[in-house]
N, C-alpha and C. Protein backbone atom coordinates (compact mmCIF):
# COMPACT_ATOMS: atom_id res chain seq x y z
N MET A 1 31.72 -39.76 21.74
CA MET A 1 30.60 -38.84 21.56
C MET A 1 29.74 -39.32 20.39
N ALA A 2 28.47 -39.49 20.65
CA ALA A 2 27.57 -39.98 19.61
C ALA A 2 27.25 -38.88 18.62
N THR A 3 27.15 -39.25 17.36
CA THR A 3 26.81 -38.29 16.32
C THR A 3 25.39 -38.57 15.85
N ALA A 4 24.67 -37.50 15.57
CA ALA A 4 23.29 -37.64 15.11
C ALA A 4 23.28 -38.15 13.68
N THR A 5 22.40 -39.08 13.40
CA THR A 5 22.28 -39.60 12.05
C THR A 5 21.24 -38.79 11.29
N ARG A 6 21.56 -38.48 10.06
CA ARG A 6 20.63 -37.72 9.24
C ARG A 6 19.48 -38.61 8.80
N PRO A 7 18.26 -38.07 8.80
CA PRO A 7 17.13 -38.88 8.31
C PRO A 7 17.30 -39.18 6.83
N ARG A 8 16.85 -40.36 6.43
CA ARG A 8 16.97 -40.78 5.05
C ARG A 8 16.03 -39.97 4.17
N LEU A 9 16.56 -39.42 3.08
CA LEU A 9 15.76 -38.64 2.17
C LEU A 9 15.16 -39.56 1.11
N LEU A 10 13.86 -39.38 0.87
CA LEU A 10 13.17 -40.19 -0.13
C LEU A 10 13.14 -39.48 -1.47
N THR A 11 13.21 -40.27 -2.53
CA THR A 11 12.94 -39.74 -3.86
C THR A 11 11.44 -39.71 -4.07
N ALA A 12 10.98 -39.04 -5.11
CA ALA A 12 9.55 -38.99 -5.42
C ALA A 12 9.00 -40.39 -5.66
N GLU A 13 9.80 -41.24 -6.30
CA GLU A 13 9.36 -42.60 -6.61
C GLU A 13 9.24 -43.44 -5.35
N ARG A 14 10.22 -43.33 -4.46
CA ARG A 14 10.16 -44.08 -3.21
C ARG A 14 9.04 -43.56 -2.31
N PHE A 15 8.81 -42.24 -2.36
CA PHE A 15 7.73 -41.65 -1.59
C PHE A 15 6.38 -42.19 -2.03
N GLN A 16 6.16 -42.30 -3.33
CA GLN A 16 4.88 -42.81 -3.81
C GLN A 16 4.68 -44.25 -3.36
N GLU A 17 5.73 -45.04 -3.45
CA GLU A 17 5.65 -46.42 -2.97
C GLU A 17 5.32 -46.46 -1.48
N TRP A 18 5.96 -45.60 -0.70
CA TRP A 18 5.73 -45.55 0.75
C TRP A 18 4.30 -45.11 1.06
N ALA A 19 3.83 -44.06 0.37
CA ALA A 19 2.50 -43.51 0.65
C ALA A 19 1.39 -44.49 0.30
N ASN A 20 1.66 -45.41 -0.64
CA ASN A 20 0.64 -46.37 -1.07
C ASN A 20 0.63 -47.65 -0.23
N ARG A 21 1.47 -47.72 0.78
CA ARG A 21 1.42 -48.88 1.67
C ARG A 21 0.14 -48.84 2.50
N PRO A 22 -0.45 -49.99 2.79
CA PRO A 22 -1.72 -50.04 3.53
C PRO A 22 -1.69 -49.27 4.84
N GLU A 23 -0.57 -49.28 5.54
CA GLU A 23 -0.50 -48.61 6.83
C GLU A 23 -0.44 -47.08 6.70
N ASN A 24 -0.23 -46.59 5.47
CA ASN A 24 -0.12 -45.15 5.28
C ASN A 24 -1.25 -44.54 4.46
N ASP A 25 -2.17 -45.37 3.97
CA ASP A 25 -3.18 -44.87 3.04
C ASP A 25 -4.38 -44.21 3.71
N SER A 26 -4.35 -44.10 5.04
CA SER A 26 -5.47 -43.45 5.73
C SER A 26 -5.22 -41.95 5.95
N ALA A 27 -4.11 -41.43 5.44
CA ALA A 27 -3.78 -40.01 5.62
C ALA A 27 -3.29 -39.44 4.30
N ARG A 28 -3.17 -38.11 4.26
CA ARG A 28 -2.66 -37.40 3.09
C ARG A 28 -1.21 -37.00 3.37
N TRP A 29 -0.35 -37.17 2.37
CA TRP A 29 1.07 -36.93 2.57
C TRP A 29 1.63 -36.09 1.42
N GLU A 30 2.68 -35.34 1.72
CA GLU A 30 3.48 -34.67 0.70
C GLU A 30 4.95 -34.95 1.02
N LEU A 31 5.79 -34.69 0.04
CA LEU A 31 7.23 -34.86 0.22
C LEU A 31 7.87 -33.49 0.09
N VAL A 32 8.58 -33.05 1.12
CA VAL A 32 9.21 -31.74 1.12
C VAL A 32 10.70 -31.91 1.34
N GLU A 33 11.47 -31.65 0.29
CA GLU A 33 12.94 -31.80 0.33
C GLU A 33 13.33 -33.16 0.88
N GLY A 34 12.65 -34.19 0.37
CA GLY A 34 12.99 -35.57 0.73
C GLY A 34 12.36 -36.08 2.00
N GLN A 35 11.66 -35.20 2.75
CA GLN A 35 11.05 -35.59 4.02
C GLN A 35 9.53 -35.71 3.87
N VAL A 36 8.96 -36.76 4.43
CA VAL A 36 7.53 -36.98 4.38
C VAL A 36 6.82 -36.05 5.37
N VAL A 37 5.77 -35.37 4.89
CA VAL A 37 5.01 -34.44 5.71
C VAL A 37 3.54 -34.83 5.63
N LYS A 38 2.90 -34.95 6.79
CA LYS A 38 1.48 -35.27 6.83
C LYS A 38 0.68 -33.98 6.65
N THR A 39 -0.34 -34.03 5.79
CA THR A 39 -1.18 -32.86 5.56
C THR A 39 -2.60 -33.17 6.06
N PRO A 40 -3.14 -32.36 6.95
CA PRO A 40 -4.47 -32.62 7.51
C PRO A 40 -5.56 -32.57 6.44
N SER A 41 -6.64 -33.29 6.70
CA SER A 41 -7.80 -33.23 5.82
C SER A 41 -8.40 -31.83 5.90
N PRO A 42 -8.67 -31.17 4.76
CA PRO A 42 -9.04 -29.76 4.80
C PRO A 42 -10.50 -29.48 5.14
N GLY A 43 -11.40 -30.41 4.98
CA GLY A 43 -12.78 -30.17 5.38
C GLY A 43 -13.74 -29.95 4.23
N GLU A 44 -15.03 -29.85 4.59
CA GLU A 44 -16.12 -29.81 3.63
C GLU A 44 -16.15 -28.53 2.80
N ALA A 45 -16.02 -27.38 3.46
CA ALA A 45 -16.09 -26.10 2.73
C ALA A 45 -14.98 -26.02 1.68
N HIS A 46 -13.79 -26.47 2.05
CA HIS A 46 -12.66 -26.49 1.12
C HIS A 46 -12.97 -27.34 -0.10
N ALA A 47 -13.52 -28.52 0.13
CA ALA A 47 -13.84 -29.42 -0.98
C ALA A 47 -14.91 -28.83 -1.89
N LEU A 48 -15.88 -28.14 -1.29
CA LEU A 48 -16.95 -27.55 -2.08
C LEU A 48 -16.42 -26.44 -2.99
N VAL A 49 -15.54 -25.60 -2.45
CA VAL A 49 -14.97 -24.52 -3.27
C VAL A 49 -14.09 -25.11 -4.37
N CYS A 50 -13.38 -26.19 -4.07
CA CYS A 50 -12.60 -26.87 -5.12
C CYS A 50 -13.51 -27.28 -6.27
N TRP A 51 -14.71 -27.76 -5.93
CA TRP A 51 -15.66 -28.16 -6.97
C TRP A 51 -16.15 -26.96 -7.76
N PHE A 52 -16.47 -25.86 -7.05
CA PHE A 52 -16.92 -24.65 -7.74
C PHE A 52 -15.86 -24.18 -8.75
N VAL A 53 -14.61 -24.13 -8.30
CA VAL A 53 -13.52 -23.67 -9.18
C VAL A 53 -13.36 -24.64 -10.36
N SER A 54 -13.45 -25.94 -10.08
CA SER A 54 -13.32 -26.94 -11.14
C SER A 54 -14.42 -26.77 -12.19
N GLN A 55 -15.63 -26.43 -11.73
CA GLN A 55 -16.73 -26.22 -12.67
C GLN A 55 -16.43 -25.05 -13.61
N VAL A 56 -15.92 -23.96 -13.05
CA VAL A 56 -15.59 -22.79 -13.87
C VAL A 56 -14.50 -23.14 -14.88
N LEU A 57 -13.46 -23.82 -14.42
CA LEU A 57 -12.35 -24.16 -15.31
C LEU A 57 -12.74 -25.23 -16.33
N SER A 58 -13.60 -26.15 -15.94
CA SER A 58 -14.09 -27.16 -16.88
C SER A 58 -14.88 -26.50 -18.01
N GLY A 59 -15.70 -25.51 -17.64
CA GLY A 59 -16.45 -24.77 -18.66
C GLY A 59 -15.53 -24.06 -19.63
N TYR A 60 -14.45 -23.49 -19.11
CA TYR A 60 -13.48 -22.82 -19.97
C TYR A 60 -12.84 -23.79 -20.94
N LEU A 61 -12.41 -24.95 -20.44
CA LEU A 61 -11.77 -25.94 -21.32
C LEU A 61 -12.76 -26.49 -22.34
N ALA A 62 -14.01 -26.66 -21.92
CA ALA A 62 -15.03 -27.14 -22.85
C ALA A 62 -15.24 -26.14 -23.99
N SER A 63 -15.20 -24.85 -23.67
CA SER A 63 -15.37 -23.83 -24.71
C SER A 63 -14.18 -23.81 -25.66
N ARG A 64 -13.00 -24.16 -25.17
CA ARG A 64 -11.81 -24.23 -26.02
C ARG A 64 -11.78 -25.51 -26.86
N GLY A 65 -12.38 -26.56 -26.31
CA GLY A 65 -12.34 -27.84 -27.00
C GLY A 65 -11.05 -28.60 -26.81
N SER A 66 -10.26 -28.20 -25.82
CA SER A 66 -9.00 -28.91 -25.54
C SER A 66 -8.53 -28.57 -24.13
N GLY A 67 -7.59 -29.38 -23.64
CA GLY A 67 -7.04 -29.17 -22.32
C GLY A 67 -7.57 -30.19 -21.33
N HIS A 68 -7.02 -30.16 -20.11
CA HIS A 68 -7.48 -31.09 -19.07
C HIS A 68 -7.23 -30.52 -17.69
N LEU A 69 -7.96 -31.06 -16.71
CA LEU A 69 -7.77 -30.73 -15.30
C LEU A 69 -7.26 -31.96 -14.57
N LEU A 70 -6.43 -31.74 -13.57
CA LEU A 70 -6.04 -32.78 -12.61
C LEU A 70 -6.47 -32.29 -11.23
N THR A 71 -7.17 -33.15 -10.48
CA THR A 71 -7.69 -32.76 -9.16
C THR A 71 -7.30 -33.81 -8.13
N ASN A 72 -7.83 -33.64 -6.92
CA ASN A 72 -7.66 -34.62 -5.84
C ASN A 72 -6.22 -34.79 -5.39
N ASP A 73 -5.44 -33.70 -5.42
CA ASP A 73 -4.07 -33.75 -4.88
C ASP A 73 -3.25 -34.85 -5.52
N CYS A 74 -3.30 -34.96 -6.85
CA CYS A 74 -2.66 -36.10 -7.52
C CYS A 74 -1.14 -36.12 -7.32
N GLY A 75 -0.55 -35.00 -7.01
CA GLY A 75 0.89 -34.96 -6.78
C GLY A 75 1.63 -34.40 -7.97
N LEU A 76 2.39 -33.34 -7.75
CA LEU A 76 3.22 -32.72 -8.77
C LEU A 76 4.64 -32.65 -8.26
N ILE A 77 5.56 -33.21 -9.02
CA ILE A 77 6.98 -33.14 -8.64
C ILE A 77 7.48 -31.74 -8.97
N VAL A 78 7.81 -30.96 -7.94
CA VAL A 78 8.23 -29.58 -8.15
C VAL A 78 9.72 -29.37 -8.01
N ALA A 79 10.44 -30.36 -7.47
CA ALA A 79 11.89 -30.22 -7.33
C ALA A 79 12.53 -31.60 -7.22
N ARG A 80 13.79 -31.67 -7.59
CA ARG A 80 14.58 -32.88 -7.51
C ARG A 80 15.87 -32.62 -6.73
N SER A 81 16.34 -33.65 -6.06
CA SER A 81 17.65 -33.66 -5.39
C SER A 81 17.84 -32.50 -4.40
N PRO A 82 17.15 -32.45 -3.29
CA PRO A 82 16.16 -33.44 -2.83
C PRO A 82 14.79 -33.21 -3.48
N ASP A 83 14.02 -34.29 -3.50
CA ASP A 83 12.73 -34.25 -4.19
C ASP A 83 11.65 -33.61 -3.33
N THR A 84 10.77 -32.85 -4.00
CA THR A 84 9.58 -32.29 -3.35
C THR A 84 8.37 -32.61 -4.22
N VAL A 85 7.36 -33.19 -3.59
CA VAL A 85 6.11 -33.52 -4.28
C VAL A 85 4.97 -32.82 -3.56
N ARG A 86 4.34 -31.88 -4.23
CA ARG A 86 3.20 -31.18 -3.68
C ARG A 86 1.91 -31.73 -4.28
N GLY A 87 0.81 -31.56 -3.54
CA GLY A 87 -0.49 -32.01 -4.01
C GLY A 87 -1.42 -30.84 -4.23
N PRO A 88 -1.29 -30.13 -5.36
CA PRO A 88 -2.19 -28.99 -5.60
C PRO A 88 -3.65 -29.44 -5.66
N ASP A 89 -4.54 -28.55 -5.26
CA ASP A 89 -5.97 -28.88 -5.32
C ASP A 89 -6.43 -29.08 -6.76
N ILE A 90 -5.98 -28.19 -7.66
CA ILE A 90 -6.38 -28.27 -9.07
C ILE A 90 -5.19 -27.86 -9.93
N MET A 91 -4.98 -28.62 -11.00
CA MET A 91 -4.00 -28.24 -12.02
C MET A 91 -4.69 -28.23 -13.37
N LEU A 92 -4.48 -27.16 -14.12
CA LEU A 92 -5.05 -27.04 -15.46
C LEU A 92 -3.93 -27.01 -16.48
N SER A 93 -4.13 -27.73 -17.57
CA SER A 93 -3.21 -27.68 -18.70
C SER A 93 -4.01 -27.41 -19.96
N LEU A 94 -3.45 -26.65 -20.88
CA LEU A 94 -4.12 -26.36 -22.14
C LEU A 94 -3.93 -27.48 -23.15
N GLU A 95 -3.13 -28.48 -22.79
CA GLU A 95 -2.90 -29.62 -23.69
C GLU A 95 -3.82 -30.77 -23.30
N ASP A 96 -4.22 -31.54 -24.30
CA ASP A 96 -5.05 -32.71 -24.05
C ASP A 96 -4.23 -33.81 -23.38
N LEU A 97 -4.91 -34.64 -22.60
CA LEU A 97 -4.28 -35.80 -21.97
C LEU A 97 -5.28 -36.94 -21.95
N SER A 98 -4.94 -38.04 -22.59
CA SER A 98 -5.83 -39.20 -22.60
C SER A 98 -5.54 -40.06 -21.38
N LEU A 99 -6.51 -40.89 -21.04
CA LEU A 99 -6.32 -41.80 -19.91
C LEU A 99 -5.17 -42.76 -20.17
N GLU A 100 -5.01 -43.15 -21.42
CA GLU A 100 -3.93 -44.07 -21.78
C GLU A 100 -2.55 -43.45 -21.57
N ASP A 101 -2.47 -42.14 -21.74
CA ASP A 101 -1.18 -41.45 -21.60
C ASP A 101 -0.93 -40.91 -20.19
N ALA A 102 -1.97 -40.93 -19.35
CA ALA A 102 -1.82 -40.41 -17.98
C ALA A 102 -0.96 -41.36 -17.15
N SER A 103 -0.07 -40.78 -16.37
CA SER A 103 0.81 -41.58 -15.52
C SER A 103 0.06 -42.11 -14.30
N PRO A 104 0.34 -43.35 -13.88
CA PRO A 104 -0.23 -43.83 -12.62
C PRO A 104 0.44 -43.21 -11.40
N GLY A 105 1.53 -42.52 -11.63
CA GLY A 105 2.28 -41.90 -10.53
C GLY A 105 2.09 -40.40 -10.48
N HIS A 106 2.96 -39.73 -9.75
CA HIS A 106 2.92 -38.28 -9.65
C HIS A 106 3.17 -37.64 -11.01
N SER A 107 2.60 -36.48 -11.21
CA SER A 107 2.74 -35.80 -12.49
C SER A 107 4.09 -35.10 -12.58
N THR A 108 4.71 -35.22 -13.74
CA THR A 108 5.93 -34.47 -14.05
C THR A 108 5.64 -33.41 -15.11
N ARG A 109 4.38 -33.38 -15.61
CA ARG A 109 4.01 -32.41 -16.62
C ARG A 109 3.91 -31.02 -16.00
N LEU A 110 4.25 -30.00 -16.76
CA LEU A 110 4.18 -28.62 -16.27
C LEU A 110 2.78 -28.08 -16.52
N PRO A 111 2.00 -27.85 -15.47
CA PRO A 111 0.66 -27.30 -15.67
C PRO A 111 0.71 -25.84 -16.07
N THR A 112 -0.36 -25.40 -16.74
CA THR A 112 -0.48 -24.00 -17.11
C THR A 112 -0.92 -23.16 -15.90
N LEU A 113 -1.76 -23.75 -15.07
CA LEU A 113 -2.32 -23.08 -13.89
C LEU A 113 -2.37 -24.04 -12.73
N VAL A 114 -1.97 -23.58 -11.56
CA VAL A 114 -2.16 -24.32 -10.31
C VAL A 114 -3.10 -23.50 -9.44
N VAL A 115 -4.10 -24.18 -8.88
CA VAL A 115 -5.04 -23.53 -7.96
C VAL A 115 -4.95 -24.20 -6.60
N GLU A 116 -4.74 -23.39 -5.58
CA GLU A 116 -4.78 -23.86 -4.20
C GLU A 116 -5.95 -23.16 -3.50
N VAL A 117 -6.76 -23.93 -2.80
CA VAL A 117 -7.86 -23.38 -2.00
C VAL A 117 -7.41 -23.39 -0.54
N TYR A 118 -7.33 -22.21 0.04
CA TYR A 118 -6.84 -22.06 1.41
C TYR A 118 -7.83 -22.71 2.39
N SER A 119 -7.31 -23.50 3.31
CA SER A 119 -8.16 -24.20 4.28
C SER A 119 -7.79 -23.75 5.69
N PRO A 120 -8.64 -24.06 6.68
CA PRO A 120 -8.34 -23.67 8.07
C PRO A 120 -7.03 -24.23 8.59
N ASN A 121 -6.55 -25.32 8.00
CA ASN A 121 -5.30 -25.93 8.46
C ASN A 121 -4.06 -25.27 7.85
N ASP A 122 -4.26 -24.44 6.83
CA ASP A 122 -3.12 -23.82 6.16
C ASP A 122 -2.55 -22.67 6.99
N ARG A 123 -1.28 -22.37 6.74
CA ARG A 123 -0.61 -21.24 7.37
C ARG A 123 -0.04 -20.35 6.27
N PRO A 124 -0.08 -19.02 6.45
CA PRO A 124 0.40 -18.12 5.39
C PRO A 124 1.82 -18.43 4.93
N GLY A 125 2.71 -18.70 5.86
CA GLY A 125 4.10 -18.98 5.48
C GLY A 125 4.23 -20.24 4.65
N ASN A 126 3.49 -21.27 5.02
CA ASN A 126 3.53 -22.52 4.26
C ASN A 126 2.94 -22.34 2.87
N MET A 127 1.85 -21.57 2.77
CA MET A 127 1.25 -21.34 1.46
C MET A 127 2.18 -20.53 0.57
N ALA A 128 2.85 -19.53 1.14
CA ALA A 128 3.80 -18.73 0.37
C ALA A 128 4.92 -19.61 -0.17
N ARG A 129 5.36 -20.56 0.64
CA ARG A 129 6.41 -21.47 0.20
C ARG A 129 5.94 -22.35 -0.94
N ARG A 130 4.70 -22.83 -0.86
CA ARG A 130 4.15 -23.66 -1.93
C ARG A 130 4.09 -22.87 -3.24
N VAL A 131 3.57 -21.63 -3.15
CA VAL A 131 3.46 -20.80 -4.34
C VAL A 131 4.84 -20.58 -4.96
N GLU A 132 5.83 -20.29 -4.12
CA GLU A 132 7.19 -20.07 -4.61
C GLU A 132 7.71 -21.31 -5.32
N GLN A 133 7.43 -22.49 -4.77
CA GLN A 133 7.89 -23.73 -5.39
C GLN A 133 7.23 -23.96 -6.75
N PHE A 134 5.94 -23.66 -6.86
CA PHE A 134 5.26 -23.82 -8.14
C PHE A 134 5.85 -22.88 -9.18
N LEU A 135 6.06 -21.61 -8.81
CA LEU A 135 6.61 -20.64 -9.74
C LEU A 135 8.04 -21.01 -10.14
N ARG A 136 8.83 -21.47 -9.19
CA ARG A 136 10.20 -21.86 -9.49
C ARG A 136 10.23 -23.08 -10.41
N ARG A 137 9.24 -23.93 -10.28
CA ARG A 137 9.12 -25.11 -11.15
C ARG A 137 8.81 -24.71 -12.59
N GLY A 138 8.26 -23.49 -12.75
CA GLY A 138 7.95 -23.00 -14.09
C GLY A 138 6.47 -22.85 -14.37
N VAL A 139 5.63 -23.05 -13.35
CA VAL A 139 4.18 -22.86 -13.54
C VAL A 139 3.94 -21.38 -13.81
N PRO A 140 3.31 -21.03 -14.95
CA PRO A 140 3.18 -19.61 -15.28
C PRO A 140 2.13 -18.84 -14.51
N LEU A 141 1.16 -19.56 -13.91
CA LEU A 141 0.08 -18.85 -13.22
C LEU A 141 -0.38 -19.68 -12.03
N VAL A 142 -0.49 -19.02 -10.86
CA VAL A 142 -0.95 -19.67 -9.64
C VAL A 142 -2.04 -18.81 -9.01
N TRP A 143 -3.15 -19.46 -8.65
CA TRP A 143 -4.22 -18.80 -7.90
C TRP A 143 -4.29 -19.42 -6.51
N VAL A 144 -4.42 -18.58 -5.49
CA VAL A 144 -4.74 -19.04 -4.15
C VAL A 144 -6.11 -18.47 -3.81
N VAL A 145 -7.06 -19.36 -3.61
CA VAL A 145 -8.46 -18.98 -3.38
C VAL A 145 -8.73 -19.02 -1.88
N TYR A 146 -9.30 -17.93 -1.35
CA TYR A 146 -9.58 -17.81 0.08
C TYR A 146 -11.09 -17.81 0.30
N PRO A 147 -11.67 -18.96 0.71
CA PRO A 147 -13.13 -19.04 0.86
C PRO A 147 -13.72 -18.09 1.89
N GLU A 148 -13.05 -17.90 3.03
CA GLU A 148 -13.62 -17.04 4.07
C GLU A 148 -13.66 -15.59 3.63
N GLU A 149 -12.60 -15.11 3.00
CA GLU A 149 -12.55 -13.71 2.56
C GLU A 149 -13.21 -13.51 1.21
N ARG A 150 -13.48 -14.63 0.49
CA ARG A 150 -14.02 -14.58 -0.87
C ARG A 150 -13.09 -13.75 -1.77
N THR A 151 -11.80 -14.08 -1.71
CA THR A 151 -10.81 -13.40 -2.54
C THR A 151 -9.94 -14.43 -3.26
N VAL A 152 -9.22 -13.94 -4.26
CA VAL A 152 -8.25 -14.76 -4.99
C VAL A 152 -6.96 -13.96 -5.10
N SER A 153 -5.85 -14.58 -4.73
CA SER A 153 -4.54 -13.98 -4.96
C SER A 153 -3.94 -14.59 -6.22
N VAL A 154 -3.49 -13.74 -7.13
CA VAL A 154 -2.98 -14.16 -8.43
C VAL A 154 -1.47 -13.96 -8.45
N TYR A 155 -0.74 -15.01 -8.79
CA TYR A 155 0.73 -14.97 -8.79
C TYR A 155 1.27 -15.33 -10.16
N ARG A 156 2.25 -14.52 -10.60
CA ARG A 156 3.03 -14.81 -11.79
C ARG A 156 4.49 -14.55 -11.47
N HIS A 157 5.37 -15.22 -12.19
CA HIS A 157 6.81 -15.06 -11.95
C HIS A 157 7.24 -13.61 -12.20
N ASP A 158 8.03 -13.09 -11.28
CA ASP A 158 8.59 -11.74 -11.39
C ASP A 158 7.53 -10.64 -11.42
N GLU A 159 6.35 -10.92 -10.86
CA GLU A 159 5.32 -9.90 -10.73
C GLU A 159 4.80 -9.88 -9.30
N LEU A 160 4.38 -8.72 -8.85
CA LEU A 160 3.77 -8.64 -7.53
C LEU A 160 2.41 -9.33 -7.58
N PRO A 161 2.02 -10.04 -6.51
CA PRO A 161 0.71 -10.70 -6.51
C PRO A 161 -0.42 -9.68 -6.53
N LYS A 162 -1.53 -10.08 -7.12
CA LYS A 162 -2.73 -9.25 -7.15
C LYS A 162 -3.80 -9.93 -6.32
N VAL A 163 -4.49 -9.17 -5.50
CA VAL A 163 -5.58 -9.70 -4.68
C VAL A 163 -6.89 -9.16 -5.24
N LEU A 164 -7.78 -10.08 -5.63
CA LEU A 164 -9.05 -9.72 -6.22
C LEU A 164 -10.18 -10.16 -5.30
N ASP A 165 -11.23 -9.31 -5.20
CA ASP A 165 -12.38 -9.69 -4.39
C ASP A 165 -13.57 -10.01 -5.28
N GLU A 166 -14.72 -10.25 -4.67
CA GLU A 166 -15.89 -10.72 -5.41
C GLU A 166 -16.40 -9.73 -6.45
N THR A 167 -16.04 -8.47 -6.31
CA THR A 167 -16.50 -7.46 -7.29
C THR A 167 -15.59 -7.40 -8.51
N ASP A 168 -14.48 -8.12 -8.47
CA ASP A 168 -13.48 -8.05 -9.54
C ASP A 168 -13.69 -9.15 -10.58
N GLU A 169 -13.09 -8.94 -11.73
CA GLU A 169 -13.07 -9.94 -12.79
C GLU A 169 -11.73 -10.66 -12.76
N LEU A 170 -11.77 -11.98 -12.87
CA LEU A 170 -10.56 -12.81 -12.92
C LEU A 170 -10.32 -13.17 -14.37
N VAL A 171 -9.13 -12.84 -14.88
CA VAL A 171 -8.81 -13.09 -16.29
C VAL A 171 -7.60 -14.01 -16.40
N GLY A 172 -7.28 -14.36 -17.65
CA GLY A 172 -6.22 -15.35 -17.88
C GLY A 172 -4.82 -14.82 -17.80
N ASN A 173 -4.63 -13.53 -17.61
CA ASN A 173 -3.30 -12.92 -17.44
C ASN A 173 -2.34 -13.28 -18.56
N GLY A 174 -2.85 -13.41 -19.80
CA GLY A 174 -1.99 -13.76 -20.91
C GLY A 174 -1.58 -15.21 -20.92
N VAL A 175 -2.06 -15.99 -19.98
CA VAL A 175 -1.70 -17.41 -19.87
C VAL A 175 -2.86 -18.30 -20.31
N LEU A 176 -4.08 -17.92 -19.96
CA LEU A 176 -5.28 -18.65 -20.34
C LEU A 176 -6.03 -17.81 -21.37
N PRO A 177 -5.80 -18.04 -22.65
CA PRO A 177 -6.40 -17.19 -23.69
C PRO A 177 -7.93 -17.18 -23.61
N GLY A 178 -8.50 -15.97 -23.56
CA GLY A 178 -9.94 -15.83 -23.58
C GLY A 178 -10.64 -16.13 -22.28
N PHE A 179 -9.91 -16.45 -21.22
CA PHE A 179 -10.58 -16.78 -19.96
C PHE A 179 -10.96 -15.52 -19.21
N SER A 180 -12.18 -15.51 -18.67
CA SER A 180 -12.60 -14.48 -17.72
C SER A 180 -13.80 -14.99 -16.95
N CYS A 181 -13.89 -14.60 -15.71
CA CYS A 181 -15.06 -14.88 -14.88
C CYS A 181 -15.08 -13.89 -13.73
N GLN A 182 -16.20 -13.77 -13.08
CA GLN A 182 -16.25 -12.96 -11.87
C GLN A 182 -15.67 -13.80 -10.73
N VAL A 183 -14.92 -13.15 -9.87
CA VAL A 183 -14.39 -13.86 -8.70
C VAL A 183 -15.53 -14.49 -7.91
N ALA A 184 -16.67 -13.82 -7.87
CA ALA A 184 -17.83 -14.35 -7.14
C ALA A 184 -18.26 -15.72 -7.65
N ASP A 185 -17.98 -16.01 -8.95
CA ASP A 185 -18.37 -17.30 -9.53
C ASP A 185 -17.64 -18.47 -8.89
N LEU A 186 -16.52 -18.20 -8.25
CA LEU A 186 -15.73 -19.27 -7.63
C LEU A 186 -16.30 -19.70 -6.28
N PHE A 187 -17.33 -19.00 -5.81
CA PHE A 187 -17.85 -19.27 -4.47
C PHE A 187 -19.34 -19.56 -4.47
N LYS A 188 -19.87 -20.04 -5.59
CA LYS A 188 -21.30 -20.34 -5.64
C LYS A 188 -21.55 -21.53 -6.54
N LEU A 189 -22.73 -22.11 -6.37
CA LEU A 189 -23.14 -23.23 -7.19
C LEU A 189 -23.25 -22.81 -8.65
N PRO A 190 -22.93 -23.74 -9.56
CA PRO A 190 -23.14 -23.42 -10.98
C PRO A 190 -24.62 -23.09 -11.23
N SER A 191 -24.85 -22.30 -12.26
CA SER A 191 -26.22 -21.87 -12.57
C SER A 191 -27.13 -23.07 -12.77
N LYS A 192 -28.28 -23.04 -12.11
CA LYS A 192 -29.25 -24.13 -12.29
C LYS A 192 -29.85 -24.12 -13.68
N LYS A 193 -29.72 -22.97 -14.38
CA LYS A 193 -30.27 -22.89 -15.72
C LYS A 193 -29.55 -23.82 -16.68
N THR A 194 -28.28 -24.09 -16.40
CA THR A 194 -27.53 -24.95 -17.29
C THR A 194 -27.56 -26.41 -16.88
N ALA A 195 -28.19 -26.68 -15.73
CA ALA A 195 -28.24 -28.07 -15.26
C ALA A 195 -29.24 -28.85 -16.09
N ARG A 196 -28.86 -30.05 -16.48
CA ARG A 196 -29.76 -30.90 -17.25
C ARG A 196 -30.55 -31.81 -16.34
N ARG A 197 -31.81 -31.92 -16.65
CA ARG A 197 -32.63 -32.83 -15.86
C ARG A 197 -32.43 -34.26 -16.38
N PRO A 198 -32.38 -35.23 -15.45
CA PRO A 198 -32.25 -36.62 -15.91
C PRO A 198 -33.48 -37.07 -16.68
N ARG A 199 -33.26 -37.84 -17.73
CA ARG A 199 -34.38 -38.32 -18.54
C ARG A 199 -34.98 -39.58 -17.96
């Protein structure tokens, strides 16, 4: 009687090496409990909202004079043995990070905030699992931004999630000191009044 062989589980390091091979670089990948998972391209609206959110958070960090953002699904190791590597849309840290100190690989640093922008390819169960993994990793604050509904779900460990709409104010929840913005600001172009004209 033949026995089924278990698929080989990859570590985060082996996964990065695999994902960077020429035959695999035309798609987006994550590692879930040692297994490679293909993630569909999320589309234009998703990318635009990611930019809107990044603008708001960049302004916050600029006002503080410290901190950094990581974007473009750079990869965050959220679990080991078996390894899981997720690609959050945006990660914010209140600590500075220089280019010289940034890792060429997946991040092992604990972000202060993880932001996920919900896309048409996402499923509620999968997103809930991602949020749970971020919180279990120790991320103190997670936002899930929903472009179609124009809402934000706010998650903290051992607290019920809060759902905010465009009429609500989004604050730092004791994690981002002094942060506040209208939820509506996450779904529109930055003010043209602050745009600088090229000289």
